[in-house]
Amino acid sequence: MLRLFMAAVLALTLPLAATAQDNFKGGSFWAISSIDTKPTRFDDYVGDISGLWRSQMEALKKDGKVLSYMMLSNVHPRDGEPDLWLMVEWASAAAMLDTPWEYYDDLMDEMGEDDDEVEEAARDREELRTLMSSVLAREIMFKDDD
């Protein structure tokens, strides 16, 4: 009886799964960080990330790992919502997740950044904002009707 039930479930769900995947195709990967800035510190935080973070994003774009990046301001945040989203569009999941740490060390050396100064800046940034969450999402797009 269980086998018959499982066969019926598979017979019904496999065509649905295949049909659903026929409707869209996968795109790039987005790393999205939700940021809550401390009261009156929004401009300070954006000014802070306009330095190192922006330079890192430009270098990653030049190397083809990042396709684009942006900031979105939450115009009317409700309680518990972030003021800002930082969004980075990665060329692939591998570009984000499989890049060796040595690459980033070399990148920081090229940018003339000292490890101790970078760590101190990260600690100081905590006075400007709270990182609420980070997610990795994949863009999906409708397939063209042929």
N, C-alpha and C. Protein backbone atom coordinates (compact mmCIF):
# COMPACT_ATOMS: atom_id res chain seq x y z
N MET A 1 0.82 -1.20 0.00
CA MET A 1 0.00 0.00 0.00
C MET A 1 0.86 1.26 0.00
N LEU A 2 1.92 1.24 0.83
CA LEU A 2 2.82 2.39 0.88
C LEU A 2 3.49 2.63 -0.46
N ARG A 3 3.89 1.54 -1.13
CA ARG A 3 4.52 1.67 -2.45
C ARG A 3 3.56 2.30 -3.46
N LEU A 4 2.34 1.88 -3.41
CA LEU A 4 1.33 2.43 -4.31
C LEU A 4 1.13 3.91 -4.05
N PHE A 5 1.08 4.28 -2.78
CA PHE A 5 0.93 5.69 -2.40
C PHE A 5 2.12 6.51 -2.90
N MET A 6 3.35 6.00 -2.68
CA MET A 6 4.55 6.71 -3.11
C MET A 6 4.59 6.84 -4.63
N ALA A 7 4.18 5.80 -5.33
CA ALA A 7 4.15 5.85 -6.79
C ALA A 7 3.16 6.92 -7.26
N ALA A 8 2.01 7.00 -6.60
CA ALA A 8 1.02 8.00 -6.96
C ALA A 8 1.54 9.41 -6.70
N VAL A 9 2.21 9.61 -5.55
CA VAL A 9 2.78 10.93 -5.22
C VAL A 9 3.82 11.32 -6.26
N LEU A 10 4.72 10.40 -6.59
CA LEU A 10 5.75 10.69 -7.60
C LEU A 10 5.13 10.98 -8.96
N ALA A 11 4.13 10.21 -9.33
CA ALA A 11 3.47 10.41 -10.63
C ALA A 11 2.84 11.80 -10.71
N LEU A 12 2.34 12.29 -9.60
CA LEU A 12 1.70 13.61 -9.59
C LEU A 12 2.70 14.75 -9.46
N THR A 13 3.77 14.55 -8.68
CA THR A 13 4.66 15.67 -8.39
C THR A 13 5.80 15.84 -9.39
N LEU A 14 6.29 14.77 -9.98
CA LEU A 14 7.41 14.91 -10.91
C LEU A 14 7.05 15.80 -12.11
N PRO A 15 5.88 15.61 -12.74
CA PRO A 15 5.54 16.52 -13.84
C PRO A 15 5.42 17.98 -13.39
N LEU A 16 4.93 18.19 -12.17
CA LEU A 16 4.80 19.56 -11.67
C LEU A 16 6.17 20.19 -11.45
N ALA A 17 7.11 19.42 -10.91
CA ALA A 17 8.45 19.94 -10.69
C ALA A 17 9.12 20.28 -12.01
N ALA A 18 8.97 19.41 -13.00
CA ALA A 18 9.58 19.66 -14.30
C ALA A 18 8.94 20.87 -14.96
N THR A 19 7.63 20.99 -14.86
CA THR A 19 6.93 22.13 -15.45
C THR A 19 7.37 23.44 -14.79
N ALA A 20 7.50 23.42 -13.47
CA ALA A 20 7.89 24.65 -12.76
C ALA A 20 9.26 25.11 -13.22
N GLN A 21 10.20 24.18 -13.39
CA GLN A 21 11.53 24.57 -13.82
C GLN A 21 11.55 25.01 -15.28
N ASP A 22 10.56 24.62 -16.06
CA ASP A 22 10.48 25.07 -17.44
C ASP A 22 10.05 26.52 -17.53
N ASN A 23 9.51 27.07 -16.45
CA ASN A 23 8.98 28.42 -16.47
C ASN A 23 10.01 29.49 -16.15
N PHE A 24 11.16 29.10 -15.57
CA PHE A 24 12.15 30.10 -15.19
C PHE A 24 13.55 29.56 -15.36
N LYS A 25 14.49 30.48 -15.35
CA LYS A 25 15.90 30.08 -15.39
C LYS A 25 16.63 30.86 -14.31
N GLY A 26 17.70 30.28 -13.83
CA GLY A 26 18.47 30.90 -12.76
C GLY A 26 19.40 31.98 -13.28
N GLY A 27 19.60 32.99 -12.46
CA GLY A 27 20.49 34.08 -12.81
C GLY A 27 21.59 34.23 -11.79
N SER A 28 21.99 35.45 -11.56
CA SER A 28 23.11 35.74 -10.66
C SER A 28 22.68 35.61 -9.20
N PHE A 29 23.68 35.62 -8.33
CA PHE A 29 23.45 35.50 -6.90
C PHE A 29 23.62 36.86 -6.24
N TRP A 30 22.75 37.17 -5.30
CA TRP A 30 22.76 38.45 -4.60
C TRP A 30 23.01 38.23 -3.11
N ALA A 31 24.02 38.88 -2.59
CA ALA A 31 24.25 38.92 -1.14
C ALA A 31 23.60 40.21 -0.65
N ILE A 32 22.65 40.08 0.27
CA ILE A 32 21.87 41.22 0.73
C ILE A 32 22.04 41.36 2.23
N SER A 33 22.55 42.50 2.65
CA SER A 33 22.74 42.78 4.08
C SER A 33 21.74 43.83 4.51
N SER A 34 21.03 43.55 5.59
CA SER A 34 20.09 44.50 6.17
C SER A 34 20.80 45.25 7.29
N ILE A 35 20.82 46.57 7.17
CA ILE A 35 21.56 47.41 8.10
C ILE A 35 20.62 48.35 8.83
N ASP A 36 20.76 48.39 10.15
CA ASP A 36 20.04 49.36 10.98
C ASP A 36 21.07 50.34 11.51
N THR A 37 21.03 51.56 11.02
CA THR A 37 22.00 52.55 11.50
C THR A 37 21.54 53.09 12.85
N LYS A 38 22.51 53.47 13.66
CA LYS A 38 22.20 54.06 14.97
C LYS A 38 21.55 55.42 14.73
N PRO A 39 20.76 55.90 15.68
CA PRO A 39 20.10 57.21 15.50
C PRO A 39 21.11 58.30 15.15
N THR A 40 20.78 59.06 14.14
CA THR A 40 21.56 60.20 13.60
C THR A 40 22.88 59.78 12.96
N ARG A 41 23.11 58.49 12.72
CA ARG A 41 24.40 58.02 12.18
C ARG A 41 24.32 57.50 10.74
N PHE A 42 23.17 57.66 10.08
CA PHE A 42 23.00 57.16 8.72
C PHE A 42 24.06 57.74 7.79
N ASP A 43 24.18 59.06 7.76
CA ASP A 43 25.15 59.71 6.88
C ASP A 43 26.58 59.30 7.22
N ASP A 44 26.87 59.15 8.50
CA ASP A 44 28.21 58.72 8.92
C ASP A 44 28.51 57.32 8.39
N TYR A 45 27.53 56.44 8.46
CA TYR A 45 27.74 55.07 8.01
C TYR A 45 27.95 55.02 6.50
N VAL A 46 27.10 55.71 5.76
CA VAL A 46 27.26 55.72 4.30
C VAL A 46 28.61 56.33 3.94
N GLY A 47 29.01 57.36 4.64
CA GLY A 47 30.34 57.93 4.41
C GLY A 47 31.45 56.93 4.69
N ASP A 48 31.27 56.15 5.73
CA ASP A 48 32.27 55.14 6.10
C ASP A 48 32.41 54.08 5.02
N ILE A 49 31.30 53.54 4.52
CA ILE A 49 31.40 52.48 3.53
C ILE A 49 31.74 53.01 2.14
N SER A 50 31.70 54.32 1.96
CA SER A 50 32.10 54.87 0.67
C SER A 50 33.61 54.75 0.46
N GLY A 51 34.33 54.38 1.50
CA GLY A 51 35.78 54.20 1.39
C GLY A 51 36.13 52.77 1.03
N LEU A 52 36.46 51.98 2.03
CA LEU A 52 36.98 50.63 1.81
C LEU A 52 35.98 49.72 1.11
N TRP A 53 34.73 49.68 1.59
CA TRP A 53 33.75 48.76 0.99
C TRP A 53 33.56 49.06 -0.49
N ARG A 54 33.41 50.33 -0.80
CA ARG A 54 33.21 50.72 -2.20
C ARG A 54 34.44 50.36 -3.04
N SER A 55 35.62 50.59 -2.50
CA SER A 55 36.85 50.24 -3.22
C SER A 55 36.94 48.73 -3.45
N GLN A 56 36.56 47.96 -2.44
CA GLN A 56 36.57 46.51 -2.58
C GLN A 56 35.59 46.07 -3.68
N MET A 57 34.40 46.65 -3.68
CA MET A 57 33.41 46.28 -4.69
C MET A 57 33.91 46.61 -6.09
N GLU A 58 34.54 47.76 -6.26
CA GLU A 58 35.07 48.14 -7.57
C GLU A 58 36.17 47.17 -8.01
N ALA A 59 37.02 46.75 -7.10
CA ALA A 59 38.08 45.80 -7.42
C ALA A 59 37.48 44.44 -7.80
N LEU A 60 36.46 44.01 -7.06
CA LEU A 60 35.81 42.74 -7.36
C LEU A 60 35.08 42.80 -8.71
N LYS A 61 34.53 43.96 -9.05
CA LYS A 61 33.92 44.14 -10.37
C LYS A 61 34.98 44.03 -11.46
N LYS A 62 36.10 44.69 -11.25
CA LYS A 62 37.19 44.68 -12.23
C LYS A 62 37.67 43.25 -12.48
N ASP A 63 37.70 42.43 -11.43
CA ASP A 63 38.14 41.04 -11.54
C ASP A 63 37.03 40.11 -12.04
N GLY A 64 35.82 40.63 -12.25
CA GLY A 64 34.73 39.84 -12.79
C GLY A 64 33.99 38.99 -11.77
N LYS A 65 34.30 39.15 -10.50
CA LYS A 65 33.62 38.36 -9.47
C LYS A 65 32.27 38.97 -9.11
N VAL A 66 32.21 40.29 -9.10
CA VAL A 66 30.98 41.03 -8.79
C VAL A 66 30.50 41.71 -10.08
N LEU A 67 29.20 41.59 -10.35
CA LEU A 67 28.63 42.24 -11.52
C LEU A 67 28.17 43.66 -11.21
N SER A 68 27.61 43.84 -10.02
CA SER A 68 27.13 45.16 -9.63
C SER A 68 26.94 45.18 -8.11
N TYR A 69 26.75 46.37 -7.60
CA TYR A 69 26.42 46.51 -6.19
C TYR A 69 25.60 47.78 -6.03
N MET A 70 24.81 47.83 -4.97
CA MET A 70 23.97 49.01 -4.75
C MET A 70 23.58 49.10 -3.29
N MET A 71 23.09 50.27 -2.96
CA MET A 71 22.51 50.52 -1.64
C MET A 71 21.06 50.92 -1.88
N LEU A 72 20.18 50.39 -1.06
CA LEU A 72 18.78 50.80 -1.09
C LEU A 72 18.42 51.34 0.28
N SER A 73 17.88 52.55 0.29
CA SER A 73 17.45 53.17 1.55
C SER A 73 15.97 52.86 1.77
N ASN A 74 15.63 52.44 2.97
CA ASN A 74 14.24 52.20 3.34
C ASN A 74 13.64 53.56 3.71
N VAL A 75 12.85 54.10 2.83
CA VAL A 75 12.35 55.47 2.98
C VAL A 75 11.48 55.63 4.22
N HIS A 76 10.65 54.67 4.49
CA HIS A 76 9.77 54.73 5.66
C HIS A 76 9.88 53.44 6.47
N PRO A 77 11.01 53.25 7.17
CA PRO A 77 11.15 51.99 7.92
C PRO A 77 10.17 51.90 9.08
N ARG A 78 9.56 50.74 9.22
CA ARG A 78 8.71 50.46 10.37
C ARG A 78 9.58 49.84 11.46
N ASP A 79 9.03 49.74 12.65
CA ASP A 79 9.78 49.13 13.76
C ASP A 79 10.30 47.76 13.34
N GLY A 80 11.56 47.52 13.61
CA GLY A 80 12.16 46.24 13.30
C GLY A 80 12.68 46.09 11.89
N GLU A 81 12.52 47.11 11.06
CA GLU A 81 13.02 47.05 9.69
C GLU A 81 14.34 47.82 9.57
N PRO A 82 15.18 47.42 8.62
CA PRO A 82 16.45 48.13 8.43
C PRO A 82 16.25 49.48 7.77
N ASP A 83 17.25 50.34 7.91
CA ASP A 83 17.24 51.63 7.19
C ASP A 83 17.84 51.48 5.81
N LEU A 84 18.67 50.44 5.65
CA LEU A 84 19.51 50.34 4.47
C LEU A 84 19.74 48.88 4.12
N TRP A 85 19.75 48.60 2.83
CA TRP A 85 20.16 47.29 2.34
C TRP A 85 21.39 47.50 1.46
N LEU A 86 22.41 46.70 1.71
CA LEU A 86 23.58 46.66 0.83
C LEU A 86 23.43 45.41 -0.01
N MET A 87 23.46 45.58 -1.33
CA MET A 87 23.22 44.46 -2.23
C MET A 87 24.41 44.29 -3.17
N VAL A 88 24.92 43.08 -3.23
CA VAL A 88 26.05 42.78 -4.09
C VAL A 88 25.63 41.64 -5.02
N GLU A 89 25.73 41.90 -6.32
CA GLU A 89 25.38 40.90 -7.33
C GLU A 89 26.66 40.17 -7.75
N TRP A 90 26.75 38.93 -7.35
CA TRP A 90 27.93 38.11 -7.67
C TRP A 90 27.72 37.39 -8.99
N ALA A 91 28.78 37.22 -9.74
CA ALA A 91 28.70 36.56 -11.04
C ALA A 91 28.25 35.11 -10.90
N SER A 92 28.62 34.48 -9.80
CA SER A 92 28.21 33.10 -9.54
C SER A 92 28.36 32.84 -8.05
N ALA A 93 27.79 31.75 -7.60
CA ALA A 93 27.96 31.38 -6.20
C ALA A 93 29.43 31.06 -5.93
N ALA A 94 30.09 30.46 -6.90
CA ALA A 94 31.51 30.12 -6.74
C ALA A 94 32.35 31.38 -6.58
N ALA A 95 32.03 32.43 -7.31
CA ALA A 95 32.79 33.68 -7.20
C ALA A 95 32.73 34.22 -5.78
N MET A 96 31.62 33.97 -5.11
CA MET A 96 31.46 34.45 -3.75
C MET A 96 32.00 33.47 -2.72
N LEU A 97 31.64 32.21 -2.87
CA LEU A 97 31.89 31.23 -1.82
C LEU A 97 33.20 30.47 -1.96
N ASP A 98 33.72 30.35 -3.17
CA ASP A 98 34.91 29.53 -3.38
C ASP A 98 36.19 30.32 -3.63
N THR A 99 36.12 31.64 -3.52
CA THR A 99 37.34 32.44 -3.71
C THR A 99 38.22 32.26 -2.48
N PRO A 100 39.48 31.87 -2.66
CA PRO A 100 40.35 31.63 -1.50
C PRO A 100 40.65 32.91 -0.74
N TRP A 101 40.90 32.75 0.56
CA TRP A 101 41.19 33.89 1.42
C TRP A 101 42.42 34.65 0.93
N GLU A 102 43.35 33.95 0.30
CA GLU A 102 44.56 34.59 -0.20
C GLU A 102 44.23 35.68 -1.22
N TYR A 103 43.18 35.46 -2.00
CA TYR A 103 42.75 36.48 -2.97
C TYR A 103 42.42 37.78 -2.25
N TYR A 104 41.65 37.67 -1.16
CA TYR A 104 41.26 38.87 -0.42
C TYR A 104 42.45 39.50 0.29
N ASP A 105 43.35 38.67 0.79
CA ASP A 105 44.58 39.22 1.39
C ASP A 105 45.38 40.00 0.37
N ASP A 106 45.53 39.45 -0.83
CA ASP A 106 46.25 40.14 -1.90
C ASP A 106 45.54 41.42 -2.31
N LEU A 107 44.21 41.36 -2.36
CA LEU A 107 43.42 42.54 -2.71
C LEU A 107 43.65 43.66 -1.70
N MET A 108 43.63 43.32 -0.43
CA MET A 108 43.85 44.34 0.61
C MET A 108 45.27 44.90 0.52
N ASP A 109 46.24 44.05 0.22
CA ASP A 109 47.62 44.52 0.04
C ASP A 109 47.71 45.50 -1.12
N GLU A 110 47.05 45.16 -2.25
CA GLU A 110 47.04 46.04 -3.42
C GLU A 110 46.42 47.39 -3.10
N MET A 111 45.41 47.37 -2.23
CA MET A 111 44.72 48.61 -1.87
C MET A 111 45.47 49.38 -0.79
N GLY A 112 46.56 48.80 -0.29
CA GLY A 112 47.35 49.46 0.73
C GLY A 112 46.71 49.46 2.10
N GLU A 113 45.85 48.47 2.35
CA GLU A 113 45.14 48.39 3.62
C GLU A 113 45.90 47.49 4.60
N ASP A 114 46.09 47.96 5.81
CA ASP A 114 46.75 47.21 6.86
C ASP A 114 45.70 46.40 7.62
N ASP A 115 45.98 45.13 7.90
CA ASP A 115 45.01 44.25 8.58
C ASP A 115 44.53 44.83 9.90
N ASP A 116 45.44 45.40 10.68
CA ASP A 116 45.06 45.96 11.99
C ASP A 116 44.12 47.15 11.82
N GLU A 117 44.39 47.99 10.82
CA GLU A 117 43.53 49.16 10.58
C GLU A 117 42.14 48.73 10.11
N VAL A 118 42.10 47.69 9.28
CA VAL A 118 40.81 47.18 8.80
C VAL A 118 39.99 46.63 9.95
N GLU A 119 40.62 45.87 10.83
CA GLU A 119 39.92 45.32 12.00
C GLU A 119 39.43 46.43 12.92
N GLU A 120 40.26 47.46 13.12
CA GLU A 120 39.84 48.58 13.96
C GLU A 120 38.67 49.32 13.35
N ALA A 121 38.70 49.51 12.03
CA ALA A 121 37.58 50.18 11.35
C ALA A 121 36.30 49.36 11.49
N ALA A 122 36.41 48.03 11.41
CA ALA A 122 35.24 47.17 11.57
C ALA A 122 34.66 47.31 12.98
N ARG A 123 35.53 47.40 13.98
CA ARG A 123 35.04 47.58 15.36
C ARG A 123 34.38 48.96 15.51
N ASP A 124 34.99 49.98 14.93
CA ASP A 124 34.43 51.32 15.01
C ASP A 124 33.08 51.40 14.30
N ARG A 125 32.91 50.63 13.24
CA ARG A 125 31.66 50.62 12.48
C ARG A 125 30.49 50.18 13.34
N GLU A 126 30.76 49.38 14.36
CA GLU A 126 29.69 48.92 15.26
C GLU A 126 29.03 50.09 15.99
N GLU A 127 29.74 51.21 16.10
CA GLU A 127 29.14 52.40 16.72
C GLU A 127 28.18 53.11 15.78
N LEU A 128 28.24 52.75 14.49
CA LEU A 128 27.41 53.41 13.49
C LEU A 128 26.18 52.60 13.11
N ARG A 129 26.29 51.27 13.21
CA ARG A 129 25.20 50.44 12.70
C ARG A 129 25.15 49.08 13.38
N THR A 130 24.01 48.41 13.14
CA THR A 130 23.84 47.02 13.53
C THR A 130 23.53 46.25 12.26
N LEU A 131 24.25 45.17 12.05
CA LEU A 131 23.96 44.28 10.94
C LEU A 131 22.81 43.38 11.38
N MET A 132 21.64 43.58 10.78
CA MET A 132 20.45 42.84 11.19
C MET A 132 20.42 41.44 10.61
N SER A 133 20.77 41.31 9.34
CA SER A 133 20.76 40.00 8.69
C SER A 133 21.55 40.07 7.40
N SER A 134 21.92 38.90 6.94
CA SER A 134 22.54 38.74 5.63
C SER A 134 21.89 37.53 4.98
N VAL A 135 21.55 37.66 3.72
CA VAL A 135 20.97 36.54 2.98
C VAL A 135 21.66 36.41 1.64
N LEU A 136 21.63 35.21 1.10
CA LEU A 136 22.10 34.96 -0.25
C LEU A 136 20.89 34.52 -1.04
N ALA A 137 20.57 35.27 -2.09
CA ALA A 137 19.39 34.98 -2.91
C ALA A 137 19.84 34.80 -4.35
N ARG A 138 19.10 34.00 -5.08
CA ARG A 138 19.40 33.83 -6.50
C ARG A 138 18.28 34.44 -7.32
N GLU A 139 18.68 35.24 -8.28
CA GLU A 139 17.71 35.82 -9.19
C GLU A 139 17.16 34.72 -10.08
N ILE A 140 15.87 34.75 -10.30
CA ILE A 140 15.26 33.86 -11.29
C ILE A 140 14.51 34.74 -12.27
N MET A 141 14.48 34.27 -13.52
CA MET A 141 13.84 35.04 -14.57
C MET A 141 12.90 34.14 -15.35
N PHE A 142 11.82 34.72 -15.81
CA PHE A 142 10.91 33.96 -16.67
C PHE A 142 11.65 33.58 -17.95
N LYS A 143 11.38 32.37 -18.40
CA LYS A 143 11.93 31.96 -19.69
C LYS A 143 11.08 32.58 -20.79
N ASP A 144 11.73 32.89 -21.88
CA ASP A 144 11.00 33.44 -23.02
C ASP A 144 10.13 32.36 -23.64
N ASP A 145 8.96 32.77 -24.10
CA ASP A 145 8.09 31.84 -24.82
C ASP A 145 8.64 31.70 -26.22
N ASP A 146 8.93 30.48 -26.60
CA ASP A 146 9.46 30.26 -27.96
C ASP A 146 8.44 29.64 -28.85
